[in-house]
Amino acid sequence: MSSATIQTLEDAIVASGEGWLIKHSSPQSEAMDHLRSLLASVNARAKERMGASAPSFEESSIVEEYLNHPSQVRGFFQSMGGSRTPDMLLMAWRIIQGMTIESVQCTYTRENSFGLRVVLESPYGVKDLPYESDKIDDFALFRHIGIMEYRGKPLFDGFYPLRVLGK
């Protein structure tokens, strides 16, 4: 699909290779409405947290961002397949856009409770309010985060789309 033919959210999802978000939805006919509703929730949460400086998650903004930065938006689309929590999806987008992970706290008690709290920091040292979730599925977002040691110290760095062999 050429960039000239990518005009809708569905076009961008399919062009990014993440058409499974639509195909594996049940019922498939409601997939796009569901994804648009999820983006609207993320958009509302972004405005609530960040006011006028919030990024836009409107369809036209996502399509434009895809045309300019397809791998970044692909990673975000992948995160939408695993998380339905607006706070966590906003967190993923903020990391994609250059925020760093300052701290992660996770609590878990088998068959009883789960809690995730992530604080992000801008390259200029400004910390966001914590991003929090009690949904264990949100932990899957960490499969997109670079996990390494840097100078012998632990580091979570970046948010990356998964690469599927054969694609």
N, C-alpha and C. Protein backbone atom coordinates (compact mmCIF):
# COMPACT_ATOMS: atom_id res chain seq x y z
N MET A 1 0.85 -1.18 0.00
CA MET A 1 0.00 0.00 0.00
C MET A 1 0.89 1.23 0.00
N SER A 2 0.72 2.11 -0.96
CA SER A 2 1.55 3.32 -1.01
C SER A 2 1.01 4.36 -0.04
N SER A 3 1.87 5.31 0.33
CA SER A 3 1.44 6.34 1.27
C SER A 3 0.27 7.15 0.73
N ALA A 4 0.13 7.24 -0.60
CA ALA A 4 -0.99 7.98 -1.19
C ALA A 4 -2.32 7.29 -0.93
N THR A 5 -2.29 5.96 -0.71
CA THR A 5 -3.53 5.23 -0.49
C THR A 5 -3.85 5.05 0.99
N ILE A 6 -2.98 5.49 1.87
CA ILE A 6 -3.22 5.38 3.31
C ILE A 6 -3.92 6.66 3.78
N GLN A 7 -5.22 6.54 3.97
CA GLN A 7 -6.01 7.71 4.35
C GLN A 7 -6.81 7.51 5.63
N THR A 8 -7.02 6.26 6.01
CA THR A 8 -7.83 5.98 7.18
C THR A 8 -7.02 5.20 8.21
N LEU A 9 -7.56 5.11 9.40
CA LEU A 9 -6.94 4.31 10.45
C LEU A 9 -6.83 2.86 10.01
N GLU A 10 -7.85 2.34 9.39
CA GLU A 10 -7.80 0.96 8.92
C GLU A 10 -6.70 0.76 7.88
N ASP A 11 -6.54 1.72 6.96
CA ASP A 11 -5.46 1.65 5.98
C ASP A 11 -4.10 1.58 6.68
N ALA A 12 -3.90 2.42 7.68
CA ALA A 12 -2.62 2.46 8.39
C ALA A 12 -2.37 1.16 9.15
N ILE A 13 -3.41 0.62 9.77
CA ILE A 13 -3.26 -0.65 10.51
C ILE A 13 -2.85 -1.76 9.56
N VAL A 14 -3.53 -1.86 8.43
CA VAL A 14 -3.23 -2.91 7.46
C VAL A 14 -1.83 -2.71 6.86
N ALA A 15 -1.50 -1.47 6.47
CA ALA A 15 -0.20 -1.18 5.87
C ALA A 15 0.94 -1.46 6.84
N SER A 16 0.70 -1.29 8.13
CA SER A 16 1.74 -1.52 9.13
C SER A 16 2.00 -3.00 9.37
N GLY A 17 1.14 -3.86 8.82
CA GLY A 17 1.29 -5.29 9.06
C GLY A 17 0.55 -5.76 10.29
N GLU A 18 -0.29 -4.88 10.86
CA GLU A 18 -1.00 -5.23 12.09
C GLU A 18 -2.49 -5.47 11.84
N GLY A 19 -2.81 -5.93 10.62
CA GLY A 19 -4.20 -6.20 10.27
C GLY A 19 -4.87 -7.23 11.17
N TRP A 20 -4.09 -7.99 11.90
CA TRP A 20 -4.65 -8.95 12.85
C TRP A 20 -5.54 -8.26 13.88
N LEU A 21 -5.27 -6.98 14.17
CA LEU A 21 -6.12 -6.23 15.11
C LEU A 21 -7.57 -6.22 14.63
N ILE A 22 -7.75 -6.26 13.33
CA ILE A 22 -9.08 -6.24 12.73
C ILE A 22 -9.57 -7.68 12.50
N LYS A 23 -8.73 -8.49 11.87
CA LYS A 23 -9.13 -9.85 11.48
C LYS A 23 -9.48 -10.74 12.67
N HIS A 24 -8.78 -10.59 13.77
CA HIS A 24 -8.98 -11.48 14.91
C HIS A 24 -9.92 -10.91 15.96
N SER A 25 -10.59 -9.84 15.61
CA SER A 25 -11.56 -9.25 16.52
C SER A 25 -12.89 -9.99 16.35
N SER A 26 -13.62 -10.13 17.40
CA SER A 26 -14.90 -10.82 17.32
C SER A 26 -16.00 -9.94 17.91
N PRO A 27 -16.97 -9.55 17.13
CA PRO A 27 -17.09 -9.78 15.69
C PRO A 27 -16.20 -8.82 14.91
N GLN A 28 -15.68 -9.31 13.80
CA GLN A 28 -14.75 -8.53 12.97
C GLN A 28 -15.39 -7.23 12.48
N SER A 29 -16.69 -7.25 12.25
CA SER A 29 -17.38 -6.06 11.73
C SER A 29 -17.35 -4.89 12.71
N GLU A 30 -17.07 -5.16 13.98
CA GLU A 30 -17.03 -4.09 14.99
C GLU A 30 -15.61 -3.69 15.39
N ALA A 31 -14.62 -4.28 14.75
CA ALA A 31 -13.23 -4.05 15.14
C ALA A 31 -12.84 -2.58 15.03
N MET A 32 -13.14 -1.95 13.92
CA MET A 32 -12.71 -0.56 13.73
C MET A 32 -13.43 0.38 14.70
N ASP A 33 -14.71 0.13 14.95
CA ASP A 33 -15.42 0.95 15.93
C ASP A 33 -14.78 0.81 17.30
N HIS A 34 -14.41 -0.42 17.64
CA HIS A 34 -13.76 -0.66 18.93
C HIS A 34 -12.40 0.06 19.02
N LEU A 35 -11.60 -0.05 17.96
CA LEU A 35 -10.29 0.60 17.97
C LEU A 35 -10.43 2.12 18.01
N ARG A 36 -11.39 2.66 17.29
CA ARG A 36 -11.63 4.12 17.33
C ARG A 36 -12.07 4.55 18.73
N SER A 37 -12.90 3.75 19.36
CA SER A 37 -13.35 4.05 20.72
C SER A 37 -12.18 4.01 21.70
N LEU A 38 -11.30 3.03 21.52
CA LEU A 38 -10.11 2.94 22.38
C LEU A 38 -9.22 4.17 22.19
N LEU A 39 -9.02 4.57 20.94
CA LEU A 39 -8.22 5.78 20.68
C LEU A 39 -8.88 7.03 21.27
N ALA A 40 -10.19 7.10 21.21
CA ALA A 40 -10.90 8.24 21.81
C ALA A 40 -10.68 8.27 23.32
N SER A 41 -10.65 7.10 23.95
CA SER A 41 -10.39 7.02 25.39
C SER A 41 -8.96 7.48 25.72
N VAL A 42 -8.01 7.06 24.88
CA VAL A 42 -6.62 7.48 25.08
C VAL A 42 -6.51 9.00 24.87
N ASN A 43 -7.20 9.51 23.86
CA ASN A 43 -7.19 10.95 23.57
C ASN A 43 -7.74 11.74 24.76
N ALA A 44 -8.87 11.27 25.31
CA ALA A 44 -9.47 11.95 26.47
C ALA A 44 -8.53 11.90 27.67
N ARG A 45 -7.88 10.75 27.89
CA ARG A 45 -6.95 10.62 29.02
C ARG A 45 -5.75 11.54 28.83
N ALA A 46 -5.26 11.64 27.60
CA ALA A 46 -4.12 12.52 27.32
C ALA A 46 -4.47 13.97 27.62
N LYS A 47 -5.65 14.41 27.20
CA LYS A 47 -6.08 15.79 27.45
C LYS A 47 -6.27 16.04 28.95
N GLU A 48 -6.80 15.04 29.64
CA GLU A 48 -6.99 15.14 31.09
C GLU A 48 -5.66 15.29 31.82
N ARG A 49 -4.68 14.51 31.41
CA ARG A 49 -3.37 14.53 32.07
C ARG A 49 -2.50 15.70 31.65
N MET A 50 -2.58 16.10 30.35
CA MET A 50 -1.60 17.02 29.80
C MET A 50 -2.18 18.32 29.26
N GLY A 51 -3.49 18.44 29.26
CA GLY A 51 -4.11 19.67 28.79
C GLY A 51 -3.82 19.95 27.33
N ALA A 52 -3.55 21.21 27.03
CA ALA A 52 -3.36 21.67 25.64
C ALA A 52 -2.12 21.06 24.99
N SER A 53 -1.17 20.60 25.77
CA SER A 53 0.05 20.04 25.19
C SER A 53 -0.08 18.54 24.89
N ALA A 54 -1.26 17.98 25.08
CA ALA A 54 -1.47 16.55 24.87
C ALA A 54 -1.35 16.17 23.40
N PRO A 55 -0.76 15.02 23.13
CA PRO A 55 -0.75 14.53 21.74
C PRO A 55 -2.17 14.15 21.33
N SER A 56 -2.44 14.20 20.05
CA SER A 56 -3.76 13.86 19.54
C SER A 56 -3.79 12.39 19.11
N PHE A 57 -4.85 11.71 19.49
CA PHE A 57 -5.06 10.33 19.08
C PHE A 57 -6.27 10.23 18.16
N GLU A 58 -6.60 11.34 17.52
CA GLU A 58 -7.67 11.32 16.53
C GLU A 58 -7.17 10.58 15.30
N GLU A 59 -8.10 10.00 14.57
CA GLU A 59 -7.74 9.16 13.43
C GLU A 59 -6.80 9.89 12.46
N SER A 60 -7.10 11.12 12.11
CA SER A 60 -6.26 11.84 11.15
C SER A 60 -4.85 12.04 11.69
N SER A 61 -4.71 12.26 12.97
CA SER A 61 -3.39 12.44 13.58
C SER A 61 -2.59 11.14 13.56
N ILE A 62 -3.25 10.04 13.85
CA ILE A 62 -2.57 8.74 13.84
C ILE A 62 -2.13 8.39 12.41
N VAL A 63 -2.99 8.66 11.43
CA VAL A 63 -2.64 8.38 10.03
C VAL A 63 -1.45 9.24 9.62
N GLU A 64 -1.49 10.52 9.95
CA GLU A 64 -0.37 11.41 9.61
C GLU A 64 0.92 10.95 10.28
N GLU A 65 0.82 10.56 11.53
CA GLU A 65 2.01 10.08 12.25
C GLU A 65 2.53 8.80 11.62
N TYR A 66 1.62 7.93 11.18
CA TYR A 66 2.03 6.69 10.52
C TYR A 66 2.80 7.01 9.23
N LEU A 67 2.31 7.98 8.46
CA LEU A 67 2.98 8.33 7.21
C LEU A 67 4.38 8.86 7.45
N ASN A 68 4.60 9.52 8.59
CA ASN A 68 5.90 10.09 8.92
C ASN A 68 6.82 9.15 9.70
N HIS A 69 6.25 8.30 10.53
CA HIS A 69 7.03 7.42 11.42
C HIS A 69 6.36 6.06 11.52
N PRO A 70 6.35 5.28 10.44
CA PRO A 70 5.59 4.02 10.44
C PRO A 70 6.01 3.01 11.52
N SER A 71 7.29 2.87 11.80
CA SER A 71 7.68 1.86 12.79
C SER A 71 7.23 2.25 14.20
N GLN A 72 7.23 3.54 14.50
CA GLN A 72 6.75 3.98 15.81
C GLN A 72 5.27 3.69 15.97
N VAL A 73 4.50 4.01 14.95
CA VAL A 73 3.06 3.78 15.03
C VAL A 73 2.75 2.29 15.01
N ARG A 74 3.56 1.52 14.31
CA ARG A 74 3.39 0.07 14.32
C ARG A 74 3.52 -0.47 15.75
N GLY A 75 4.52 0.00 16.48
CA GLY A 75 4.67 -0.40 17.88
C GLY A 75 3.45 -0.02 18.70
N PHE A 76 2.90 1.16 18.44
CA PHE A 76 1.71 1.59 19.17
C PHE A 76 0.52 0.71 18.81
N PHE A 77 0.35 0.39 17.52
CA PHE A 77 -0.73 -0.51 17.12
C PHE A 77 -0.60 -1.85 17.84
N GLN A 78 0.63 -2.37 17.91
CA GLN A 78 0.84 -3.63 18.61
C GLN A 78 0.43 -3.52 20.07
N SER A 79 0.72 -2.38 20.68
CA SER A 79 0.36 -2.22 22.09
C SER A 79 -1.16 -2.20 22.27
N MET A 80 -1.87 -1.71 21.26
CA MET A 80 -3.34 -1.70 21.33
C MET A 80 -3.91 -3.11 21.31
N GLY A 81 -3.17 -4.05 20.78
CA GLY A 81 -3.62 -5.44 20.77
C GLY A 81 -3.49 -6.12 22.11
N GLY A 82 -2.66 -5.60 22.99
CA GLY A 82 -2.44 -6.24 24.28
C GLY A 82 -2.99 -5.46 25.46
N SER A 83 -3.19 -4.17 25.29
CA SER A 83 -3.65 -3.34 26.41
C SER A 83 -4.90 -2.59 26.00
N ARG A 84 -5.81 -2.48 26.92
CA ARG A 84 -7.03 -1.70 26.69
C ARG A 84 -7.14 -0.56 27.70
N THR A 85 -6.07 -0.32 28.43
CA THR A 85 -6.08 0.71 29.47
C THR A 85 -5.55 2.01 28.90
N PRO A 86 -6.38 3.05 28.81
CA PRO A 86 -5.93 4.31 28.22
C PRO A 86 -4.64 4.85 28.83
N ASP A 87 -4.49 4.76 30.15
CA ASP A 87 -3.28 5.25 30.80
C ASP A 87 -2.04 4.53 30.29
N MET A 88 -2.12 3.22 30.14
CA MET A 88 -0.97 2.44 29.70
C MET A 88 -0.67 2.68 28.22
N LEU A 89 -1.70 2.85 27.41
CA LEU A 89 -1.47 3.15 26.00
C LEU A 89 -0.86 4.53 25.83
N LEU A 90 -1.30 5.48 26.64
CA LEU A 90 -0.69 6.81 26.62
C LEU A 90 0.77 6.71 27.05
N MET A 91 1.04 5.91 28.06
CA MET A 91 2.43 5.71 28.51
C MET A 91 3.27 5.15 27.37
N ALA A 92 2.75 4.15 26.67
CA ALA A 92 3.48 3.56 25.55
C ALA A 92 3.80 4.63 24.51
N TRP A 93 2.81 5.45 24.18
CA TRP A 93 3.03 6.50 23.18
C TRP A 93 4.09 7.49 23.65
N ARG A 94 4.05 7.85 24.92
CA ARG A 94 5.03 8.80 25.46
C ARG A 94 6.45 8.23 25.39
N ILE A 95 6.60 6.94 25.64
CA ILE A 95 7.91 6.31 25.52
C ILE A 95 8.35 6.31 24.06
N ILE A 96 7.44 5.97 23.17
CA ILE A 96 7.74 5.99 21.73
C ILE A 96 8.21 7.39 21.31
N GLN A 97 7.66 8.41 21.90
CA GLN A 97 7.99 9.78 21.54
C GLN A 97 9.23 10.32 22.27
N GLY A 98 9.88 9.49 23.08
CA GLY A 98 11.16 9.91 23.65
C GLY A 98 11.25 10.02 25.16
N MET A 99 10.14 9.79 25.87
CA MET A 99 10.22 9.79 27.33
C MET A 99 11.00 8.55 27.77
N THR A 100 11.67 8.65 28.90
CA THR A 100 12.39 7.51 29.44
C THR A 100 11.68 6.98 30.67
N ILE A 101 11.91 5.72 30.96
CA ILE A 101 11.30 5.10 32.13
C ILE A 101 12.18 5.40 33.33
N GLU A 102 11.63 6.16 34.25
CA GLU A 102 12.35 6.53 35.47
C GLU A 102 12.23 5.43 36.52
N SER A 103 11.01 4.90 36.68
CA SER A 103 10.83 3.84 37.67
C SER A 103 9.62 2.97 37.31
N VAL A 104 9.70 1.72 37.75
CA VAL A 104 8.63 0.75 37.56
C VAL A 104 8.42 0.05 38.89
N GLN A 105 7.18 -0.01 39.30
CA GLN A 105 6.83 -0.79 40.48
C GLN A 105 5.72 -1.75 40.08
N CYS A 106 5.93 -3.00 40.37
CA CYS A 106 4.93 -4.01 40.03
C CYS A 106 4.69 -4.86 41.27
N THR A 107 3.43 -5.06 41.59
CA THR A 107 3.06 -5.96 42.68
C THR A 107 2.12 -7.02 42.12
N TYR A 108 2.26 -8.21 42.64
CA TYR A 108 1.45 -9.31 42.15
C TYR A 108 1.29 -10.32 43.26
N THR A 109 0.07 -10.76 43.46
CA THR A 109 -0.23 -11.86 44.36
C THR A 109 -1.11 -12.83 43.59
N ARG A 110 -0.66 -14.03 43.45
CA ARG A 110 -1.35 -15.04 42.63
C ARG A 110 -2.84 -15.10 42.94
N GLU A 111 -3.62 -14.98 41.87
CA GLU A 111 -5.09 -15.05 41.92
C GLU A 111 -5.71 -14.05 42.89
N ASN A 112 -4.98 -12.98 43.19
CA ASN A 112 -5.51 -12.02 44.14
C ASN A 112 -5.39 -10.59 43.64
N SER A 113 -4.17 -10.16 43.27
CA SER A 113 -4.03 -8.75 42.89
C SER A 113 -2.83 -8.54 41.97
N PHE A 114 -2.93 -7.45 41.23
CA PHE A 114 -1.85 -7.02 40.36
C PHE A 114 -1.85 -5.49 40.38
N GLY A 115 -0.68 -4.91 40.41
CA GLY A 115 -0.56 -3.46 40.34
C GLY A 115 0.71 -3.07 39.59
N LEU A 116 0.57 -2.10 38.71
CA LEU A 116 1.71 -1.62 37.93
C LEU A 116 1.71 -0.10 38.02
N ARG A 117 2.88 0.46 38.31
CA ARG A 117 3.04 1.91 38.42
C ARG A 117 4.34 2.28 37.72
N VAL A 118 4.23 3.15 36.70
CA VAL A 118 5.40 3.54 35.91
C VAL A 118 5.50 5.06 35.92
N VAL A 119 6.70 5.56 36.19
CA VAL A 119 6.96 7.00 36.12
C VAL A 119 7.90 7.24 34.95
N LEU A 120 7.53 8.17 34.09
CA LEU A 120 8.35 8.56 32.95
C LEU A 120 9.00 9.90 33.20
N GLU A 121 10.12 10.11 32.50
CA GLU A 121 10.85 11.38 32.63
C GLU A 121 11.22 11.86 31.22
N SER A 122 11.08 13.16 31.02
CA SER A 122 11.46 13.74 29.73
C SER A 122 12.98 13.82 29.63
N PRO A 123 13.50 14.03 28.42
CA PRO A 123 14.95 14.21 28.28
C PRO A 123 15.47 15.43 29.05
N TYR A 124 14.56 16.30 29.48
CA TYR A 124 14.94 17.51 30.22
C TYR A 124 14.78 17.35 31.73
N GLY A 125 14.46 16.13 32.18
CA GLY A 125 14.37 15.86 33.61
C GLY A 125 13.01 16.10 34.23
N VAL A 126 11.99 16.39 33.42
CA VAL A 126 10.64 16.61 33.95
C VAL A 126 9.92 15.27 34.04
N LYS A 127 9.40 14.96 35.23
CA LYS A 127 8.71 13.69 35.43
C LYS A 127 7.20 13.85 35.19
N ASP A 128 6.62 12.84 34.55
CA ASP A 128 5.16 12.76 34.40
C ASP A 128 4.56 12.25 35.70
N LEU A 129 3.26 12.47 35.85
CA LEU A 129 2.53 11.79 36.90
C LEU A 129 2.60 10.30 36.62
N PRO A 130 2.49 9.45 37.63
CA PRO A 130 2.59 8.01 37.40
C PRO A 130 1.48 7.49 36.48
N TYR A 131 1.82 6.47 35.72
CA TYR A 131 0.87 5.72 34.91
C TYR A 131 0.60 4.44 35.69
N GLU A 132 -0.67 4.16 35.96
CA GLU A 132 -0.99 3.04 36.84
C GLU A 132 -2.05 2.13 36.22
N SER A 133 -1.96 0.86 36.58
CA SER A 133 -2.94 -0.12 36.12
C SER A 133 -3.06 -1.24 37.13
N ASP A 134 -4.26 -1.81 37.19
CA ASP A 134 -4.47 -3.02 37.98
C ASP A 134 -4.87 -4.19 37.07
N LYS A 135 -4.61 -4.04 35.78
CA LYS A 135 -4.92 -5.07 34.78
C LYS A 135 -3.63 -5.81 34.40
N ILE A 136 -3.57 -7.08 34.70
CA ILE A 136 -2.34 -7.85 34.45
C ILE A 136 -1.97 -7.87 32.97
N ASP A 137 -2.94 -7.79 32.07
CA ASP A 137 -2.63 -7.78 30.63
C ASP A 137 -1.73 -6.61 30.25
N ASP A 138 -1.78 -5.52 31.00
CA ASP A 138 -0.94 -4.36 30.69
C ASP A 138 0.54 -4.65 30.85
N PHE A 139 0.89 -5.66 31.62
CA PHE A 139 2.29 -6.00 31.80
C PHE A 139 2.91 -6.46 30.47
N ALA A 140 2.07 -6.94 29.55
CA ALA A 140 2.56 -7.38 28.23
C ALA A 140 3.22 -6.25 27.46
N LEU A 141 2.94 -5.01 27.80
CA LEU A 141 3.59 -3.88 27.13
C LEU A 141 5.10 -3.93 27.29
N PHE A 142 5.57 -4.56 28.35
CA PHE A 142 7.01 -4.59 28.60
C PHE A 142 7.77 -5.48 27.62
N ARG A 143 7.04 -6.28 26.82
CA ARG A 143 7.74 -7.05 25.79
C ARG A 143 8.27 -6.13 24.69
N HIS A 144 7.77 -4.91 24.64
CA HIS A 144 8.21 -3.93 23.64
C HIS A 144 9.35 -3.04 24.14
N ILE A 145 9.68 -3.16 25.40
CA ILE A 145 10.66 -2.26 26.01
C ILE A 145 12.04 -2.90 25.98
N GLY A 146 13.03 -2.12 25.58
CA GLY A 146 14.40 -2.61 25.60
C GLY A 146 14.83 -2.84 27.04
N ILE A 147 15.35 -4.02 27.31
CA ILE A 147 15.79 -4.39 28.66
C ILE A 147 17.27 -4.72 28.57
N MET A 148 18.09 -4.00 29.33
CA MET A 148 19.53 -4.19 29.21
C MET A 148 20.25 -3.74 30.47
N GLU A 149 21.53 -3.95 30.45
CA GLU A 149 22.41 -3.34 31.45
C GLU A 149 23.27 -2.32 30.72
N TYR A 150 23.43 -1.18 31.34
CA TYR A 150 24.26 -0.11 30.78
C TYR A 150 25.22 0.30 31.87
N ARG A 151 26.51 0.12 31.59
CA ARG A 151 27.55 0.41 32.59
C ARG A 151 27.31 -0.38 33.87
N GLY A 152 26.84 -1.61 33.69
CA GLY A 152 26.61 -2.49 34.83
C GLY A 152 25.35 -2.19 35.63
N LYS A 153 24.51 -1.31 35.13
CA LYS A 153 23.28 -0.93 35.86
C LYS A 153 22.06 -1.27 35.01
N PRO A 154 20.93 -1.63 35.66
CA PRO A 154 19.73 -2.02 34.92
C PRO A 154 19.11 -0.82 34.19
N LEU A 155 18.59 -1.09 32.98
CA LEU A 155 18.00 -0.02 32.19
C LEU A 155 16.85 -0.54 31.33
N PHE A 156 15.69 0.09 31.46
CA PHE A 156 14.60 -0.07 30.52
C PHE A 156 14.73 1.09 29.55
N ASP A 157 14.80 0.80 28.25
CA ASP A 157 15.05 1.88 27.30
C ASP A 157 14.29 1.67 26.00
N GLY A 158 13.43 2.61 25.65
CA GLY A 158 12.74 2.60 24.36
C GLY A 158 11.53 1.69 24.31
N PHE A 159 10.79 1.85 23.24
CA PHE A 159 9.59 1.06 22.98
C PHE A 159 9.63 0.66 21.52
N TYR A 160 9.66 -0.62 21.25
CA TYR A 160 9.92 -1.11 19.90
C TYR A 160 8.84 -2.05 19.41
N PRO A 161 8.54 -1.96 18.10
CA PRO A 161 7.60 -2.94 17.55
C PRO A 161 8.26 -4.30 17.53
N LEU A 162 7.47 -5.33 17.73
CA LEU A 162 7.98 -6.69 17.63
C LEU A 162 8.19 -7.01 16.15
N ARG A 163 9.21 -7.76 15.88
CA ARG A 163 9.47 -8.19 14.51
C ARG A 163 9.10 -9.65 14.41
N VAL A 164 8.20 -9.96 13.50
CA VAL A 164 7.76 -11.33 13.32
C VAL A 164 8.56 -11.91 12.16
N LEU A 165 9.16 -13.08 12.38
CA LEU A 165 9.94 -13.73 11.33
C LEU A 165 9.04 -14.02 10.13
N GLY A 166 9.60 -13.83 8.96
CA GLY A 166 8.84 -14.09 7.75
C GLY A 166 8.12 -12.86 7.23
N LYS A 167 8.18 -11.74 7.95
CA LYS A 167 7.52 -10.52 7.49
C LYS A 167 8.49 -9.60 6.85
